[in-house]
């Protein structure tokens, strides 16, 4: 799973085969743009809504601080399933965990850029 900040007029993601795109207006404001880029049947299509539900729950409860996440683009492009053990709740939990991990990775990238800034303070 890959997540990115979303803004209106944003170009479609490159390097993935987009099978489906869903734009969801969130109850707490903002949007979730959810891309299904699963090809080759690595995840059965019946589990994609469960992944989306897990992502939305994690966005609502907050992946780090407990505050809402909004205006995010989520790209699901890979995964695995087992014919016996795969079920809706497993993919919902996997969606929550993958979103949290991807969100934390994006936060680290943001802070790495931020930490490179230099601040100058003038004495009066």
Foldseek 3Di string as FASTA:
>chain_A
DAKDAADPPDDDDPPAAFPDWDWAADPVGAIEIETEREPPCQDPPVQVVLLVLLLQVCQCLDLPDRHHDHRMYHYDHHDHDDPPPDDSPVNSPVSNVVNSVNVVVVVVVVVVVVVPDDDDDDDD
